[in-house]
Amino acid sequence: MAGILEKLKQKVLGVSGKMDQYQEAITFAEAGESDHAREVLQMQPESKKTEKLLVVGQEGTFSREMIDYALDMAKRMSYEIVALNTAPFSCDTFKLFSSSRDQLCTDFQELATKNADVFQKEAAREGISFSHMIKFSEIDEAIESVCKELGQVAFVVSESQEQQADSRIEQGERLQQKLFVYSVI
């Protein structure tokens, strides 16, 4: 409940700050200082941070449907995109086989980075700020960790667990993909 109230408080403070800015501009305009009034309106509030859209990939990849949806949503809502890939193991899991562990972790990071590059290029083309993270933990733990780390995460977009497990069941000739969007409180 406190999370919801904190978000509402931030929204109200944002609106309040914008109203103060308009009132200041009106005051200067009425006093004949129209140049200064324009400057006041063009100033951006310093405390305003861009909210983030956390996009959770399927292990080391992001589906075409997910990329398209995330880009559209981020563009409409003026969000930054944070792409997250998770591996449900820790690099410490394979302590007995250190060479295997290092190779497995390195391979996953390379695959995730390569697949995120495609996403990043499309975001750049749309003028959307983009960052990529890799976590070696279960999806729920990784999402919680990233939300705490970044703050300002408005929504989480992920594919369904069934879709990940069944991975690419086709109906006719068309791939059926379900995406889930969660609001972060």
N, C-alpha and C. Protein backbone atom coordinates (compact mmCIF):
# COMPACT_ATOMS: atom_id res chain seq x y z
N MET A 1 0.82 -1.19 0.00
CA MET A 1 0.00 0.00 0.00
C MET A 1 0.87 1.26 0.00
N ALA A 2 1.98 1.20 0.74
CA ALA A 2 2.87 2.35 0.80
C ALA A 2 3.46 2.66 -0.57
N GLY A 3 3.71 1.62 -1.37
CA GLY A 3 4.25 1.81 -2.71
C GLY A 3 3.30 2.58 -3.60
N ILE A 4 2.01 2.25 -3.51
CA ILE A 4 0.99 2.94 -4.31
C ILE A 4 0.91 4.41 -3.90
N LEU A 5 0.90 4.64 -2.59
CA LEU A 5 0.81 6.02 -2.10
C LEU A 5 2.04 6.83 -2.50
N GLU A 6 3.21 6.21 -2.47
CA GLU A 6 4.43 6.90 -2.87
C GLU A 6 4.38 7.28 -4.35
N LYS A 7 3.88 6.36 -5.19
CA LYS A 7 3.76 6.67 -6.63
C LYS A 7 2.77 7.81 -6.86
N LEU A 8 1.63 7.77 -6.16
CA LEU A 8 0.65 8.85 -6.30
C LEU A 8 1.24 10.18 -5.85
N LYS A 9 1.99 10.14 -4.76
CA LYS A 9 2.63 11.35 -4.25
C LYS A 9 3.57 11.93 -5.29
N GLN A 10 4.37 11.08 -5.94
CA GLN A 10 5.31 11.55 -6.96
C GLN A 10 4.56 12.16 -8.15
N LYS A 11 3.44 11.55 -8.54
CA LYS A 11 2.65 12.08 -9.66
C LYS A 11 2.08 13.45 -9.31
N VAL A 12 1.55 13.57 -8.08
CA VAL A 12 0.97 14.84 -7.64
C VAL A 12 2.04 15.91 -7.57
N LEU A 13 3.21 15.56 -7.03
CA LEU A 13 4.30 16.53 -6.95
C LEU A 13 4.75 16.96 -8.34
N GLY A 14 4.73 16.05 -9.29
CA GLY A 14 5.09 16.39 -10.67
C GLY A 14 4.11 17.37 -11.27
N VAL A 15 2.81 17.13 -11.06
CA VAL A 15 1.77 18.04 -11.57
C VAL A 15 1.88 19.37 -10.85
N SER A 16 2.10 19.33 -9.55
CA SER A 16 2.22 20.55 -8.76
C SER A 16 3.40 21.39 -9.25
N GLY A 17 4.52 20.74 -9.52
CA GLY A 17 5.69 21.45 -10.03
C GLY A 17 5.44 22.09 -11.38
N LYS A 18 4.72 21.39 -12.24
CA LYS A 18 4.40 21.92 -13.56
C LYS A 18 3.46 23.12 -13.43
N MET A 19 2.50 23.05 -12.52
CA MET A 19 1.58 24.17 -12.29
C MET A 19 2.35 25.39 -11.79
N ASP A 20 3.30 25.17 -10.88
CA ASP A 20 4.13 26.27 -10.38
C ASP A 20 4.91 26.91 -11.52
N GLN A 21 5.42 26.08 -12.42
CA GLN A 21 6.19 26.58 -13.56
C GLN A 21 5.30 27.44 -14.46
N TYR A 22 4.08 26.98 -14.73
CA TYR A 22 3.15 27.76 -15.55
C TYR A 22 2.78 29.08 -14.87
N GLN A 23 2.54 29.03 -13.56
CA GLN A 23 2.18 30.24 -12.82
C GLN A 23 3.32 31.26 -12.87
N GLU A 24 4.55 30.78 -12.74
CA GLU A 24 5.71 31.68 -12.82
C GLU A 24 5.80 32.31 -14.21
N ALA A 25 5.59 31.52 -15.25
CA ALA A 25 5.64 32.04 -16.62
C ALA A 25 4.54 33.08 -16.86
N ILE A 26 3.35 32.81 -16.34
CA ILE A 26 2.24 33.76 -16.49
C ILE A 26 2.57 35.08 -15.80
N THR A 27 3.15 34.98 -14.62
CA THR A 27 3.51 36.18 -13.86
C THR A 27 4.50 37.04 -14.63
N PHE A 28 5.53 36.41 -15.19
CA PHE A 28 6.51 37.17 -15.97
C PHE A 28 5.89 37.73 -17.25
N ALA A 29 5.02 36.98 -17.88
CA ALA A 29 4.37 37.46 -19.10
C ALA A 29 3.50 38.67 -18.80
N GLU A 30 2.76 38.63 -17.69
CA GLU A 30 1.92 39.77 -17.31
C GLU A 30 2.75 41.00 -16.97
N ALA A 31 3.98 40.78 -16.49
CA ALA A 31 4.87 41.89 -16.13
C ALA A 31 5.62 42.41 -17.36
N GLY A 32 5.34 41.85 -18.54
CA GLY A 32 5.98 42.32 -19.76
C GLY A 32 7.31 41.64 -20.06
N GLU A 33 7.65 40.62 -19.32
CA GLU A 33 8.90 39.88 -19.52
C GLU A 33 8.62 38.59 -20.30
N SER A 34 8.16 38.74 -21.53
CA SER A 34 7.76 37.55 -22.30
C SER A 34 8.94 36.64 -22.64
N ASP A 35 10.13 37.22 -22.85
CA ASP A 35 11.30 36.37 -23.13
C ASP A 35 11.62 35.46 -21.94
N HIS A 36 11.58 36.05 -20.76
CA HIS A 36 11.87 35.25 -19.56
C HIS A 36 10.76 34.22 -19.33
N ALA A 37 9.53 34.58 -19.64
CA ALA A 37 8.40 33.64 -19.49
C ALA A 37 8.61 32.41 -20.38
N ARG A 38 9.09 32.64 -21.62
CA ARG A 38 9.37 31.52 -22.52
C ARG A 38 10.48 30.63 -21.96
N GLU A 39 11.52 31.27 -21.40
CA GLU A 39 12.62 30.50 -20.81
C GLU A 39 12.13 29.62 -19.66
N VAL A 40 11.26 30.17 -18.84
CA VAL A 40 10.72 29.42 -17.70
C VAL A 40 9.94 28.20 -18.20
N LEU A 41 9.16 28.37 -19.25
CA LEU A 41 8.38 27.25 -19.79
C LEU A 41 9.26 26.18 -20.42
N GLN A 42 10.41 26.58 -20.94
CA GLN A 42 11.29 25.62 -21.60
C GLN A 42 12.17 24.87 -20.61
N MET A 43 12.27 25.36 -19.39
CA MET A 43 13.09 24.67 -18.38
C MET A 43 12.45 23.34 -18.02
N GLN A 44 13.28 22.32 -17.89
CA GLN A 44 12.82 20.99 -17.48
C GLN A 44 13.04 20.85 -15.98
N PRO A 45 12.07 20.29 -15.28
CA PRO A 45 12.28 20.06 -13.85
C PRO A 45 13.47 19.13 -13.65
N GLU A 46 14.37 19.49 -12.73
CA GLU A 46 15.58 18.71 -12.51
C GLU A 46 15.31 17.36 -11.87
N SER A 47 14.30 17.29 -11.04
CA SER A 47 14.06 16.06 -10.29
C SER A 47 13.30 15.00 -11.10
N LYS A 48 12.84 15.36 -12.27
CA LYS A 48 12.06 14.43 -13.09
C LYS A 48 12.97 13.37 -13.69
N LYS A 49 12.78 12.12 -13.28
CA LYS A 49 13.54 11.01 -13.83
C LYS A 49 12.62 10.22 -14.76
N THR A 50 13.18 9.74 -15.83
CA THR A 50 12.40 8.96 -16.78
C THR A 50 12.09 7.59 -16.18
N GLU A 51 10.82 7.21 -16.26
CA GLU A 51 10.46 5.88 -15.78
C GLU A 51 10.94 4.84 -16.77
N LYS A 52 11.09 3.64 -16.26
CA LYS A 52 11.67 2.57 -17.07
C LYS A 52 10.67 1.47 -17.35
N LEU A 53 10.83 0.86 -18.51
CA LEU A 53 10.06 -0.31 -18.91
C LEU A 53 11.04 -1.47 -18.88
N LEU A 54 10.84 -2.40 -17.95
CA LEU A 54 11.72 -3.55 -17.81
C LEU A 54 11.21 -4.66 -18.71
N VAL A 55 12.03 -5.08 -19.67
CA VAL A 55 11.65 -6.11 -20.64
C VAL A 55 12.48 -7.35 -20.35
N VAL A 56 11.80 -8.41 -19.91
CA VAL A 56 12.48 -9.64 -19.50
C VAL A 56 12.47 -10.62 -20.66
N GLY A 57 13.65 -10.93 -21.14
CA GLY A 57 13.79 -11.84 -22.27
C GLY A 57 13.65 -13.29 -21.86
N GLN A 58 13.48 -14.12 -22.85
CA GLN A 58 13.39 -15.56 -22.63
C GLN A 58 14.81 -16.09 -22.63
N GLU A 59 15.34 -16.31 -21.44
CA GLU A 59 16.72 -16.73 -21.24
C GLU A 59 17.65 -15.75 -21.96
N GLY A 60 18.28 -16.11 -23.06
CA GLY A 60 19.23 -15.23 -23.73
C GLY A 60 18.67 -14.47 -24.91
N THR A 61 17.35 -14.55 -25.15
CA THR A 61 16.77 -13.96 -26.35
C THR A 61 15.57 -13.07 -26.04
N PHE A 62 15.22 -12.25 -27.02
CA PHE A 62 14.00 -11.44 -26.98
C PHE A 62 13.22 -11.76 -28.25
N SER A 63 11.96 -12.14 -28.10
CA SER A 63 11.15 -12.49 -29.27
C SER A 63 10.83 -11.23 -30.07
N ARG A 64 10.54 -11.40 -31.33
CA ARG A 64 10.16 -10.29 -32.20
C ARG A 64 8.93 -9.58 -31.65
N GLU A 65 7.93 -10.35 -31.19
CA GLU A 65 6.71 -9.76 -30.65
C GLU A 65 7.01 -8.91 -29.43
N MET A 66 7.91 -9.39 -28.57
CA MET A 66 8.26 -8.64 -27.37
C MET A 66 8.99 -7.35 -27.72
N ILE A 67 9.91 -7.42 -28.64
CA ILE A 67 10.65 -6.22 -29.06
C ILE A 67 9.69 -5.18 -29.62
N ASP A 68 8.81 -5.60 -30.52
CA ASP A 68 7.85 -4.67 -31.13
C ASP A 68 6.94 -4.05 -30.08
N TYR A 69 6.42 -4.88 -29.17
CA TYR A 69 5.52 -4.38 -28.14
C TYR A 69 6.24 -3.38 -27.23
N ALA A 70 7.43 -3.73 -26.78
CA ALA A 70 8.18 -2.87 -25.87
C ALA A 70 8.54 -1.54 -26.52
N LEU A 71 8.96 -1.57 -27.77
CA LEU A 71 9.30 -0.33 -28.47
C LEU A 71 8.07 0.57 -28.61
N ASP A 72 6.93 -0.03 -28.96
CA ASP A 72 5.70 0.74 -29.10
C ASP A 72 5.29 1.36 -27.77
N MET A 73 5.32 0.56 -26.71
CA MET A 73 4.91 1.06 -25.39
C MET A 73 5.87 2.14 -24.89
N ALA A 74 7.16 1.92 -25.03
CA ALA A 74 8.14 2.90 -24.57
C ALA A 74 8.01 4.22 -25.33
N LYS A 75 7.73 4.12 -26.60
CA LYS A 75 7.58 5.33 -27.41
C LYS A 75 6.33 6.11 -26.99
N ARG A 76 5.21 5.39 -26.82
CA ARG A 76 3.96 6.04 -26.43
C ARG A 76 4.04 6.67 -25.05
N MET A 77 4.71 5.99 -24.12
CA MET A 77 4.72 6.42 -22.72
C MET A 77 5.99 7.19 -22.33
N SER A 78 6.89 7.40 -23.27
CA SER A 78 8.17 8.08 -23.02
C SER A 78 8.97 7.39 -21.91
N TYR A 79 9.10 6.08 -22.00
CA TYR A 79 9.87 5.30 -21.04
C TYR A 79 11.23 4.95 -21.62
N GLU A 80 12.18 4.73 -20.73
CA GLU A 80 13.45 4.10 -21.11
C GLU A 80 13.21 2.60 -21.12
N ILE A 81 13.94 1.88 -21.95
CA ILE A 81 13.85 0.41 -21.94
C ILE A 81 15.06 -0.15 -21.23
N VAL A 82 14.80 -1.04 -20.29
CA VAL A 82 15.86 -1.82 -19.65
C VAL A 82 15.59 -3.27 -20.02
N ALA A 83 16.45 -3.84 -20.85
CA ALA A 83 16.31 -5.23 -21.27
C ALA A 83 17.04 -6.11 -20.26
N LEU A 84 16.39 -7.19 -19.85
CA LEU A 84 16.97 -8.08 -18.83
C LEU A 84 16.97 -9.51 -19.34
N ASN A 85 18.12 -10.13 -19.29
CA ASN A 85 18.23 -11.57 -19.56
C ASN A 85 18.62 -12.25 -18.26
N THR A 86 17.99 -13.38 -18.00
CA THR A 86 18.30 -14.13 -16.78
C THR A 86 18.67 -15.56 -17.12
N ALA A 87 19.53 -16.11 -16.31
CA ALA A 87 19.88 -17.53 -16.40
C ALA A 87 19.58 -18.10 -15.02
N PRO A 88 18.78 -19.17 -14.95
CA PRO A 88 18.35 -19.70 -13.66
C PRO A 88 19.43 -20.50 -12.94
N PHE A 89 20.63 -19.99 -12.97
CA PHE A 89 21.73 -20.62 -12.23
C PHE A 89 22.72 -19.53 -11.88
N SER A 90 23.48 -19.80 -10.88
CA SER A 90 24.53 -18.87 -10.49
C SER A 90 25.83 -19.39 -11.07
N CYS A 91 26.72 -18.50 -11.38
CA CYS A 91 28.02 -18.94 -11.88
C CYS A 91 28.77 -19.69 -10.78
N ASP A 92 28.32 -19.55 -9.54
CA ASP A 92 28.91 -20.30 -8.42
C ASP A 92 28.36 -21.71 -8.34
N THR A 93 27.29 -21.99 -9.09
CA THR A 93 26.64 -23.31 -9.06
C THR A 93 27.61 -24.42 -9.44
N PHE A 94 28.48 -24.14 -10.35
CA PHE A 94 29.37 -25.17 -10.89
C PHE A 94 30.79 -25.05 -10.34
N LYS A 95 30.91 -24.87 -9.04
CA LYS A 95 32.23 -24.68 -8.43
C LYS A 95 33.19 -25.83 -8.69
N LEU A 96 32.67 -27.05 -8.73
CA LEU A 96 33.53 -28.21 -8.93
C LEU A 96 34.14 -28.24 -10.33
N PHE A 97 33.42 -27.65 -11.28
CA PHE A 97 33.89 -27.67 -12.66
C PHE A 97 34.17 -26.24 -13.10
N SER A 98 35.23 -25.68 -12.61
CA SER A 98 35.49 -24.26 -12.83
C SER A 98 35.62 -23.89 -14.31
N SER A 99 36.25 -24.73 -15.12
CA SER A 99 36.37 -24.40 -16.54
C SER A 99 35.01 -24.44 -17.23
N SER A 100 34.18 -25.41 -16.85
CA SER A 100 32.82 -25.49 -17.42
C SER A 100 31.99 -24.30 -16.98
N ARG A 101 32.13 -23.94 -15.72
CA ARG A 101 31.37 -22.81 -15.17
C ARG A 101 31.70 -21.54 -15.94
N ASP A 102 32.98 -21.26 -16.05
CA ASP A 102 33.40 -20.04 -16.73
C ASP A 102 32.92 -20.01 -18.17
N GLN A 103 33.02 -21.13 -18.85
CA GLN A 103 32.61 -21.21 -20.25
C GLN A 103 31.10 -21.03 -20.38
N LEU A 104 30.32 -21.66 -19.49
CA LEU A 104 28.87 -21.55 -19.53
C LEU A 104 28.42 -20.11 -19.30
N CYS A 105 28.99 -19.48 -18.30
CA CYS A 105 28.63 -18.09 -18.01
C CYS A 105 29.03 -17.15 -19.14
N THR A 106 30.22 -17.36 -19.68
CA THR A 106 30.70 -16.54 -20.79
C THR A 106 29.82 -16.72 -22.02
N ASP A 107 29.48 -17.96 -22.34
CA ASP A 107 28.62 -18.23 -23.50
C ASP A 107 27.26 -17.57 -23.35
N PHE A 108 26.68 -17.66 -22.15
CA PHE A 108 25.37 -17.04 -21.92
C PHE A 108 25.47 -15.52 -22.07
N GLN A 109 26.49 -14.92 -21.50
CA GLN A 109 26.64 -13.46 -21.60
C GLN A 109 26.83 -13.02 -23.05
N GLU A 110 27.60 -13.77 -23.82
CA GLU A 110 27.80 -13.43 -25.23
C GLU A 110 26.51 -13.55 -26.03
N LEU A 111 25.75 -14.63 -25.79
CA LEU A 111 24.48 -14.82 -26.48
C LEU A 111 23.50 -13.71 -26.13
N ALA A 112 23.37 -13.41 -24.84
CA ALA A 112 22.44 -12.38 -24.39
C ALA A 112 22.82 -11.01 -24.95
N THR A 113 24.09 -10.70 -24.93
CA THR A 113 24.56 -9.41 -25.44
C THR A 113 24.32 -9.30 -26.95
N LYS A 114 24.60 -10.36 -27.67
CA LYS A 114 24.39 -10.37 -29.13
C LYS A 114 22.91 -10.15 -29.45
N ASN A 115 22.02 -10.85 -28.74
CA ASN A 115 20.59 -10.71 -29.01
C ASN A 115 20.06 -9.36 -28.55
N ALA A 116 20.63 -8.79 -27.50
CA ALA A 116 20.20 -7.47 -27.03
C ALA A 116 20.65 -6.37 -27.99
N ASP A 117 21.73 -6.60 -28.72
CA ASP A 117 22.22 -5.60 -29.68
C ASP A 117 21.17 -5.30 -30.76
N VAL A 118 20.47 -6.32 -31.20
CA VAL A 118 19.40 -6.13 -32.20
C VAL A 118 18.32 -5.22 -31.61
N PHE A 119 17.92 -5.52 -30.38
CA PHE A 119 16.91 -4.74 -29.66
C PHE A 119 17.40 -3.29 -29.49
N GLN A 120 18.65 -3.13 -29.10
CA GLN A 120 19.23 -1.82 -28.85
C GLN A 120 19.25 -0.97 -30.13
N LYS A 121 19.59 -1.57 -31.25
CA LYS A 121 19.65 -0.83 -32.52
C LYS A 121 18.26 -0.34 -32.92
N GLU A 122 17.25 -1.16 -32.69
CA GLU A 122 15.89 -0.74 -33.03
C GLU A 122 15.41 0.37 -32.09
N ALA A 123 15.79 0.28 -30.82
CA ALA A 123 15.44 1.34 -29.86
C ALA A 123 16.12 2.65 -30.26
N ALA A 124 17.38 2.58 -30.64
CA ALA A 124 18.12 3.78 -31.05
C ALA A 124 17.47 4.41 -32.28
N ARG A 125 17.03 3.59 -33.21
CA ARG A 125 16.36 4.09 -34.42
C ARG A 125 15.08 4.85 -34.06
N GLU A 126 14.41 4.41 -32.98
CA GLU A 126 13.17 5.07 -32.54
C GLU A 126 13.44 6.22 -31.57
N GLY A 127 14.72 6.42 -31.20
CA GLY A 127 15.07 7.49 -30.27
C GLY A 127 14.75 7.15 -28.82
N ILE A 128 14.74 5.87 -28.49
CA ILE A 128 14.40 5.41 -27.14
C ILE A 128 15.67 5.02 -26.40
N SER A 129 15.82 5.54 -25.20
CA SER A 129 16.98 5.20 -24.37
C SER A 129 16.91 3.72 -24.01
N PHE A 130 18.06 3.04 -24.06
CA PHE A 130 18.10 1.58 -23.89
C PHE A 130 19.30 1.18 -23.05
N SER A 131 19.09 0.22 -22.16
CA SER A 131 20.21 -0.40 -21.44
C SER A 131 19.92 -1.89 -21.31
N HIS A 132 20.97 -2.66 -21.08
CA HIS A 132 20.84 -4.11 -21.02
C HIS A 132 21.51 -4.63 -19.75
N MET A 133 20.84 -5.58 -19.10
CA MET A 133 21.38 -6.19 -17.88
C MET A 133 21.29 -7.71 -18.00
N ILE A 134 22.23 -8.39 -17.36
CA ILE A 134 22.22 -9.85 -17.30
C ILE A 134 22.31 -10.24 -15.83
N LYS A 135 21.40 -11.11 -15.40
CA LYS A 135 21.41 -11.60 -14.02
C LYS A 135 21.43 -13.12 -14.02
N PHE A 136 22.21 -13.67 -13.13
CA PHE A 136 22.28 -15.12 -12.97
C PHE A 136 21.45 -15.51 -11.75
N SER A 137 20.14 -15.57 -11.95
CA SER A 137 19.20 -15.95 -10.89
C SER A 137 17.86 -16.29 -11.54
N GLU A 138 16.92 -16.75 -10.72
CA GLU A 138 15.56 -17.00 -11.21
C GLU A 138 14.94 -15.69 -11.66
N ILE A 139 13.98 -15.77 -12.55
CA ILE A 139 13.37 -14.56 -13.13
C ILE A 139 12.79 -13.65 -12.06
N ASP A 140 12.01 -14.20 -11.12
CA ASP A 140 11.39 -13.37 -10.09
C ASP A 140 12.43 -12.65 -9.25
N GLU A 141 13.49 -13.36 -8.88
CA GLU A 141 14.56 -12.75 -8.09
C GLU A 141 15.26 -11.65 -8.89
N ALA A 142 15.49 -11.90 -10.16
CA ALA A 142 16.17 -10.92 -11.01
C ALA A 142 15.33 -9.65 -11.17
N ILE A 143 14.02 -9.82 -11.38
CA ILE A 143 13.13 -8.66 -11.52
C ILE A 143 13.13 -7.84 -10.25
N GLU A 144 13.00 -8.51 -9.11
CA GLU A 144 12.99 -7.81 -7.83
C GLU A 144 14.31 -7.06 -7.62
N SER A 145 15.40 -7.70 -7.93
CA SER A 145 16.72 -7.09 -7.78
C SER A 145 16.88 -5.85 -8.67
N VAL A 146 16.47 -5.97 -9.91
CA VAL A 146 16.59 -4.85 -10.85
C VAL A 146 15.69 -3.69 -10.44
N CYS A 147 14.47 -3.99 -10.00
CA CYS A 147 13.55 -2.93 -9.56
C CYS A 147 14.13 -2.16 -8.37
N LYS A 148 14.73 -2.88 -7.43
CA LYS A 148 15.36 -2.23 -6.28
C LYS A 148 16.57 -1.41 -6.72
N GLU A 149 17.34 -1.97 -7.62
CA GLU A 149 18.56 -1.32 -8.09
C GLU A 149 18.28 -0.03 -8.86
N LEU A 150 17.29 -0.07 -9.74
CA LEU A 150 17.02 1.06 -10.62
C LEU A 150 16.00 2.04 -10.06
N GLY A 151 15.00 1.53 -9.34
CA GLY A 151 13.89 2.38 -8.96
C GLY A 151 13.17 2.82 -10.24
N GLN A 152 12.14 3.60 -10.14
CA GLN A 152 11.45 4.17 -11.29
C GLN A 152 11.06 3.16 -12.37
N VAL A 153 10.87 1.88 -12.05
CA VAL A 153 10.40 0.91 -13.03
C VAL A 153 8.88 0.95 -13.02
N ALA A 154 8.29 1.37 -14.13
CA ALA A 154 6.84 1.52 -14.21
C ALA A 154 6.15 0.20 -14.55
N PHE A 155 6.71 -0.54 -15.52
CA PHE A 155 6.10 -1.78 -15.96
C PHE A 155 7.16 -2.82 -16.25
N VAL A 156 6.75 -4.08 -16.12
CA VAL A 156 7.58 -5.22 -16.48
C VAL A 156 6.86 -5.96 -17.59
N VAL A 157 7.55 -6.23 -18.69
CA VAL A 157 6.99 -6.99 -19.80
C VAL A 157 7.76 -8.29 -19.90
N SER A 158 7.01 -9.41 -19.91
CA SER A 158 7.67 -10.72 -20.03
C SER A 158 6.77 -11.67 -20.81
N GLU A 159 7.38 -12.75 -21.27
CA GLU A 159 6.61 -13.79 -21.93
C GLU A 159 6.08 -14.74 -20.87
N SER A 160 5.00 -15.44 -21.19
CA SER A 160 4.43 -16.37 -20.22
C SER A 160 5.40 -17.52 -19.96
N GLN A 161 5.33 -18.09 -18.77
CA GLN A 161 6.17 -19.23 -18.43
C GLN A 161 5.85 -20.42 -19.33
N GLU A 162 4.56 -20.63 -19.64
CA GLU A 162 4.19 -21.74 -20.53
C GLU A 162 4.82 -21.55 -21.90
N GLN A 163 4.82 -20.29 -22.37
CA GLN A 163 5.39 -20.01 -23.68
C GLN A 163 6.88 -20.31 -23.68
N GLN A 164 7.54 -20.00 -22.59
CA GLN A 164 8.97 -20.28 -22.51
C GLN A 164 9.21 -21.77 -22.49
N ALA A 165 8.39 -22.50 -21.75
CA ALA A 165 8.58 -23.95 -21.64
C ALA A 165 8.25 -24.65 -22.96
N ASP A 166 7.12 -24.28 -23.55
CA ASP A 166 6.71 -24.92 -24.81
C ASP A 166 7.54 -24.41 -25.98
N SER A 167 7.99 -23.17 -25.86
CA SER A 167 8.88 -22.54 -26.83
C SER A 167 8.55 -22.85 -28.28
N ARG A 168 7.70 -22.01 -28.83
CA ARG A 168 7.44 -22.03 -30.26
C ARG A 168 6.47 -23.10 -30.76
N ILE A 169 5.35 -23.27 -30.05
CA ILE A 169 4.29 -24.12 -30.58
C ILE A 169 3.56 -23.30 -31.63
N GLU A 170 3.39 -23.86 -32.80
CA GLU A 170 2.76 -23.12 -33.88
C GLU A 170 1.31 -23.55 -34.06
N GLN A 171 0.46 -22.56 -34.36
CA GLN A 171 -0.94 -22.83 -34.69
C GLN A 171 -1.09 -22.44 -36.16
N GLY A 172 -1.34 -23.41 -37.01
CA GLY A 172 -1.33 -23.14 -38.45
C GLY A 172 0.09 -22.80 -38.83
N GLU A 173 0.26 -21.67 -39.50
CA GLU A 173 1.61 -21.25 -39.85
C GLU A 173 2.04 -20.05 -39.04
N ARG A 174 1.22 -19.68 -38.08
CA ARG A 174 1.50 -18.46 -37.34
C ARG A 174 1.86 -18.78 -35.89
N LEU A 175 2.89 -18.17 -35.40
CA LEU A 175 3.35 -18.38 -34.04
C LEU A 175 2.46 -17.61 -33.08
N GLN A 176 1.98 -18.26 -32.05
CA GLN A 176 1.16 -17.62 -31.04
C GLN A 176 2.05 -17.24 -29.87
N GLN A 177 2.12 -15.98 -29.55
CA GLN A 177 3.01 -15.52 -28.49
C GLN A 177 2.20 -14.69 -27.49
N LYS A 178 2.27 -15.03 -26.23
CA LYS A 178 1.57 -14.27 -25.21
C LYS A 178 2.59 -13.47 -24.42
N LEU A 179 2.31 -12.18 -24.26
CA LEU A 179 3.16 -11.31 -23.47
C LEU A 179 2.38 -10.87 -22.25
N PHE A 180 3.06 -10.70 -21.14
CA PHE A 180 2.43 -10.22 -19.93
C PHE A 180 3.06 -8.89 -19.55
N VAL A 181 2.22 -7.94 -19.13
CA VAL A 181 2.68 -6.63 -18.71
C VAL A 181 2.21 -6.42 -17.28
N TYR A 182 3.15 -6.10 -16.39
CA TYR A 182 2.85 -5.90 -14.98
C TYR A 182 3.22 -4.48 -14.59
N SER A 183 2.34 -3.86 -13.82
CA SER A 183 2.65 -2.56 -13.25
C SER A 183 3.46 -2.78 -11.99
N VAL A 184 4.48 -1.98 -11.78
CA VAL A 184 5.33 -2.12 -10.60
C VAL A 184 4.91 -1.09 -9.57
N ILE A 185 4.65 -1.57 -8.37
CA ILE A 185 4.21 -0.68 -7.29
C ILE A 185 5.31 -0.54 -6.28
